Amino acid sequence: MKEKKASILIVDDDESICRTMSLILENEGYKTQTAYTGKEALERSKTAFFNVALLDIRLPDIEGTKLLKKLNQTAPQTIRIMVTGYPTLDNAVEALNGGADAYLMKPVNPDDLIKIIRDKLQQQQKAETVTEESITTFLEARTKQLLDELR
């Protein structure tokens, strides 16, 4: 069975940052898409599944922390990593309280970025496995119960 590549949405108004992150992540085997505005990111999240979203704190049309909250609603299963060139304690607290799974400062160290993404994807995979196992166990038990009731 072929392993499915994780899909990553990169949201930043700086095209060179998007291009650089895309190259780094694609070199690691991930599929990437970019968005330069919050609106574009929301549209993409409604039409495609992303395992990970890298969100800039400052976007031209919306604060990244507000986009984070909207993505929590449209794509709750997506891992959300905030990236900022303007780190403040308030930004970090607001991002983490708003549901961010991680917080990185620009310039982003590629090794740190890859490590965080791998760690978060492993956590996501474990959660999906547990859910699938729970559903399977429930269905098996419920099937046995229904068969017993028919006898």
C-alpha atoms as a PDB file:
ATOM      1  CA  MET A   1       0.000   0.000   0.000  1.00  0.00           C
ATOM      2  CA  LYS A   2       1.377   3.412  -0.967  1.00  0.00           C
ATOM      3  CA  GLU A   3       1.985   5.839   1.900  1.00  0.00           C
ATOM      4  CA  LYS A   4      -0.129   8.985   1.686  1.00  0.00           C
ATOM      5  CA  LYS A   5       1.834  12.232   1.692  1.00  0.00           C
ATOM      6  CA  ALA A   6       0.769  14.838   4.227  1.00  0.00           C
ATOM      7  CA  SER A   7      -0.659  18.023   2.773  1.00  0.00           C
ATOM      8  CA  ILE A   8       0.470  21.394   4.126  1.00  0.00           C
ATOM      9  CA  LEU A   9      -1.082  24.829   3.598  1.00  0.00           C
ATOM     10  CA  ILE A  10       1.396  27.701   3.889  1.00  0.00           C
ATOM     11  CA  VAL A  11      -0.256  31.049   4.610  1.00  0.00           C
ATOM     12  CA  ASP A  12       1.993  34.112   4.375  1.00  0.00           C
ATOM     13  CA  ASP A  13       1.768  37.368   2.444  1.00  0.00           C
ATOM     14  CA  ASP A  14       5.492  37.169   1.616  1.00  0.00           C
ATOM     15  CA  GLU A  15       5.794  35.136  -1.591  1.00  0.00           C
ATOM     16  CA  SER A  16       9.483  34.370  -1.012  1.00  0.00           C
ATOM     17  CA  ILE A  17       8.711  32.841   2.403  1.00  0.00           C
ATOM     18  CA  CYS A  18       5.948  30.725   0.855  1.00  0.00           C
ATOM     19  CA  ARG A  19       8.258  29.600  -1.932  1.00  0.00           C
ATOM     20  CA  THR A  20      11.116  28.774   0.466  1.00  0.00           C
ATOM     21  CA  MET A  21       8.890  26.833   2.885  1.00  0.00           C
ATOM     22  CA  SER A  22       7.297  24.976  -0.033  1.00  0.00           C
ATOM     23  CA  LEU A  23      10.696  23.923  -1.376  1.00  0.00           C
ATOM     24  CA  ILE A  24      11.887  22.754   2.054  1.00  0.00           C
ATOM     25  CA  LEU A  25       8.706  20.793   2.757  1.00  0.00           C
ATOM     26  CA  GLU A  26       8.355  19.324  -0.728  1.00  0.00           C
ATOM     27  CA  ASN A  27      11.976  18.170  -0.462  1.00  0.00           C
ATOM     28  CA  GLU A  28      10.840  16.238   2.652  1.00  0.00           C
ATOM     29  CA  GLY A  29       8.056  14.583   0.651  1.00  0.00           C
ATOM     30  CA  TYR A  30       5.092  16.754   1.694  1.00  0.00           C
ATOM     31  CA  LYS A  31       2.524  18.235  -0.695  1.00  0.00           C
ATOM     32  CA  THR A  32       2.143  21.988  -0.294  1.00  0.00           C
ATOM     33  CA  GLN A  33      -0.221  24.746  -1.326  1.00  0.00           C
ATOM     34  CA  THR A  34       0.150  28.428  -0.577  1.00  0.00           C
ATOM     35  CA  ALA A  35      -2.211  31.252   0.265  1.00  0.00           C
ATOM     36  CA  TYR A  36      -1.231  34.903   0.548  1.00  0.00           C
ATOM     37  CA  THR A  37      -4.323  36.131   2.422  1.00  0.00           C
ATOM     38  CA  GLY A  38      -6.602  34.841   5.143  1.00  0.00           C
ATOM     39  CA  LYS A  39      -9.527  34.801   2.732  1.00  0.00           C
ATOM     40  CA  GLU A  40      -7.602  32.631   0.291  1.00  0.00           C
ATOM     41  CA  ALA A  41      -6.574  30.279   3.132  1.00  0.00           C
ATOM     42  CA  LEU A  42     -10.193  29.873   4.283  1.00  0.00           C
ATOM     43  CA  GLU A  43     -11.351  29.150   0.727  1.00  0.00           C
ATOM     44  CA  ARG A  44      -8.667  26.492   0.309  1.00  0.00           C
ATOM     45  CA  SER A  45      -9.522  24.907   3.676  1.00  0.00           C
ATOM     46  CA  LYS A  46     -13.155  24.533   2.607  1.00  0.00           C
ATOM     47  CA  THR A  47     -12.305  22.694  -0.608  1.00  0.00           C
ATOM     48  CA  ALA A  48      -9.287  20.580   0.393  1.00  0.00           C
ATOM     49  CA  PHE A  49      -8.017  18.694   3.426  1.00  0.00           C
ATOM     50  CA  PHE A  50      -4.725  19.840   4.940  1.00  0.00           C
ATOM     51  CA  ASN A  51      -2.915  17.895   7.623  1.00  0.00           C
ATOM     52  CA  VAL A  52      -1.026  21.055   8.614  1.00  0.00           C
ATOM     53  CA  ALA A  53      -1.511  24.799   8.186  1.00  0.00           C
ATOM     54  CA  LEU A  54       1.403  27.189   8.724  1.00  0.00           C
ATOM     55  CA  LEU A  55      -0.136  30.568   9.525  1.00  0.00           C
ATOM     56  CA  ASP A  56       1.605  33.931   9.561  1.00  0.00           C
ATOM     57  CA  ILE A  57       0.461  36.174  12.417  1.00  0.00           C
ATOM     58  CA  ARG A  58       0.285  39.277  10.207  1.00  0.00           C
ATOM     59  CA  LEU A  59      -1.702  39.018   7.005  1.00  0.00           C
ATOM     60  CA  PRO A  60      -3.006  41.883   4.859  1.00  0.00           C
ATOM     61  CA  ASP A  61      -6.696  41.120   5.402  1.00  0.00           C
ATOM     62  CA  ILE A  62      -6.908  39.442   8.839  1.00  0.00           C
ATOM     63  CA  GLU A  63      -4.816  38.829  11.934  1.00  0.00           C
ATOM     64  CA  GLY A  64      -3.384  35.315  11.926  1.00  0.00           C
ATOM     65  CA  THR A  65      -4.897  34.634  15.350  1.00  0.00           C
ATOM     66  CA  LYS A  66      -8.371  35.422  13.968  1.00  0.00           C
ATOM     67  CA  LEU A  67      -7.689  33.169  10.981  1.00  0.00           C
ATOM     68  CA  LEU A  68      -6.620  30.477  13.447  1.00  0.00           C
ATOM     69  CA  LYS A  69     -10.002  30.644  15.187  1.00  0.00           C
ATOM     70  CA  LYS A  70     -11.853  30.470  11.865  1.00  0.00           C
ATOM     71  CA  LEU A  71      -9.794  27.453  10.794  1.00  0.00           C
ATOM     72  CA  ASN A  72     -10.727  25.785  14.079  1.00  0.00           C
ATOM     73  CA  GLN A  73     -14.305  25.877  12.767  1.00  0.00           C
ATOM     74  CA  THR A  74     -13.763  25.038   9.083  1.00  0.00           C
ATOM     75  CA  ALA A  75     -10.912  22.529   9.537  1.00  0.00           C
ATOM     76  CA  PRO A  76     -10.776  21.359  13.170  1.00  0.00           C
ATOM     77  CA  GLN A  77      -8.644  18.294  12.355  1.00  0.00           C
ATOM     78  CA  THR A  78      -5.872  20.399  10.774  1.00  0.00           C
ATOM     79  CA  ILE A  79      -2.706  20.969  12.784  1.00  0.00           C
ATOM     80  CA  ARG A  80      -2.255  24.739  13.082  1.00  0.00           C
ATOM     81  CA  ILE A  81       1.245  26.175  13.512  1.00  0.00           C
ATOM     82  CA  MET A  82       1.628  29.927  13.965  1.00  0.00           C
ATOM     83  CA  VAL A  83       4.666  31.588  12.410  1.00  0.00           C
ATOM     84  CA  THR A  84       5.645  35.174  13.147  1.00  0.00           C
ATOM     85  CA  GLY A  85       8.347  37.709  12.567  1.00  0.00           C
ATOM     86  CA  TYR A  86       6.801  39.827  15.331  1.00  0.00           C
ATOM     87  CA  PRO A  87       6.986  37.639  18.422  1.00  0.00           C
ATOM     88  CA  THR A  88       5.339  39.006  21.533  1.00  0.00           C
ATOM     89  CA  LEU A  89       4.100  37.318  24.657  1.00  0.00           C
ATOM     90  CA  ASP A  90       0.568  38.521  23.856  1.00  0.00           C
ATOM     91  CA  ASN A  91       0.725  36.979  20.347  1.00  0.00           C
ATOM     92  CA  ALA A  92       2.014  33.684  21.700  1.00  0.00           C
ATOM     93  CA  VAL A  93      -0.597  33.478  24.456  1.00  0.00           C
ATOM     94  CA  GLU A  94      -3.435  34.459  22.103  1.00  0.00           C
ATOM     95  CA  ALA A  95      -2.290  31.939  19.490  1.00  0.00           C
ATOM     96  CA  LEU A  96      -1.942  29.056  21.924  1.00  0.00           C
ATOM     97  CA  ASN A  97      -5.215  29.897  23.680  1.00  0.00           C
ATOM     98  CA  GLY A  98      -6.865  30.136  20.244  1.00  0.00           C
ATOM     99  CA  GLY A  99      -5.952  26.561  19.399  1.00  0.00           C
ATOM    100  CA  ALA A 100      -2.496  26.768  17.834  1.00  0.00           C
ATOM    101  CA  ASP A 101      -0.597  23.494  18.064  1.00  0.00           C
ATOM    102  CA  ALA A 102       2.790  25.242  17.918  1.00  0.00           C
ATOM    103  CA  TYR A 103       4.351  28.695  17.637  1.00  0.00           C
ATOM    104  CA  LEU A 104       7.492  29.451  15.596  1.00  0.00           C
ATOM    105  CA  MET A 105       9.479  32.641  15.117  1.00  0.00           C
ATOM    106  CA  LYS A 106      10.898  33.876  11.819  1.00  0.00           C
ATOM    107  CA  PRO A 107      13.365  33.295  10.438  1.00  0.00           C
ATOM    108  CA  VAL A 108      12.227  29.703  10.829  1.00  0.00           C
ATOM    109  CA  ASN A 109      14.975  27.128  11.226  1.00  0.00           C
ATOM    110  CA  PRO A 110      14.154  24.443   8.607  1.00  0.00           C
ATOM    111  CA  ASP A 111      15.221  21.613  10.930  1.00  0.00           C
ATOM    112  CA  ASP A 112      12.940  22.914  13.706  1.00  0.00           C
ATOM    113  CA  LEU A 113      10.051  23.295  11.256  1.00  0.00           C
ATOM    114  CA  ILE A 114      10.436  19.746   9.946  1.00  0.00           C
ATOM    115  CA  LYS A 115      10.779  18.289  13.462  1.00  0.00           C
ATOM    116  CA  ILE A 116       7.640  20.044  14.719  1.00  0.00           C
ATOM    117  CA  ILE A 117       5.642  18.988  11.655  1.00  0.00           C
ATOM    118  CA  ARG A 118       6.798  15.357  11.995  1.00  0.00           C
ATOM    119  CA  ASP A 119       5.970  15.299  15.724  1.00  0.00           C
ATOM    120  CA  LYS A 120       2.521  16.827  15.199  1.00  0.00           C
ATOM    121  CA  LEU A 121       1.755  14.487  12.281  1.00  0.00           C
ATOM    122  CA  GLN A 122       2.691  11.481  14.428  1.00  0.00           C
ATOM    123  CA  GLN A 123       0.292  12.717  17.116  1.00  0.00           C
ATOM    124  CA  GLN A 124      -2.411  13.190  14.475  1.00  0.00           C
ATOM    125  CA  GLN A 125      -1.805   9.666  13.117  1.00  0.00           C
ATOM    126  CA  LYS A 126      -2.058   8.137  16.607  1.00  0.00           C
ATOM    127  CA  ALA A 127      -5.320   9.978  17.264  1.00  0.00           C
ATOM    128  CA  GLU A 128      -6.776   8.747  13.960  1.00  0.00           C
ATOM    129  CA  THR A 129      -5.700   5.167  14.728  1.00  0.00           C
ATOM    130  CA  VAL A 130      -7.313   5.278  18.156  1.00  0.00           C
ATOM    131  CA  THR A 131     -10.519   6.629  16.635  1.00  0.00           C
ATOM    132  CA  GLU A 132     -10.592   3.943  13.930  1.00  0.00           C
ATOM    133  CA  GLU A 133      -9.937   1.215  16.508  1.00  0.00           C
ATOM    134  CA  SER A 134     -12.668   2.592  18.773  1.00  0.00           C
ATOM    135  CA  ILE A 135     -15.172   2.625  15.927  1.00  0.00           C
ATOM    136  CA  THR A 136     -14.244  -0.916  14.895  1.00  0.00           C
ATOM    137  CA  THR A 137     -14.576  -2.167  18.468  1.00  0.00           C
ATOM    138  CA  PHE A 138     -17.939  -0.443  18.878  1.00  0.00           C
ATOM    139  CA  LEU A 139     -19.286  -1.825  15.589  1.00  0.00           C
ATOM    140  CA  GLU A 140     -18.189  -5.366  16.436  1.00  0.00           C
ATOM    141  CA  ALA A 141     -19.785  -5.182  19.893  1.00  0.00           C
ATOM    142  CA  ARG A 142     -22.981  -3.626  18.547  1.00  0.00           C
ATOM    143  CA  THR A 143     -23.243  -6.243  15.777  1.00  0.00           C
ATOM    144  CA  LYS A 144     -22.922  -9.051  18.336  1.00  0.00           C
ATOM    145  CA  GLN A 145     -25.557  -7.383  20.509  1.00  0.00           C
ATOM    146  CA  LEU A 146     -28.011  -7.040  17.599  1.00  0.00           C
ATOM    147  CA  LEU A 147     -27.427 -10.650  16.523  1.00  0.00           C
ATOM    148  CA  ASP A 148     -28.075 -11.848  20.088  1.00  0.00           C
ATOM    149  CA  GLU A 149     -31.332  -9.858  20.157  1.00  0.00           C
ATOM    150  CA  LEU A 150     -32.463 -11.522  16.905  1.00  0.00           C
ATOM    151  CA  ARG A 151     -31.955 -15.032  18.303  1.00  0.00           C
END
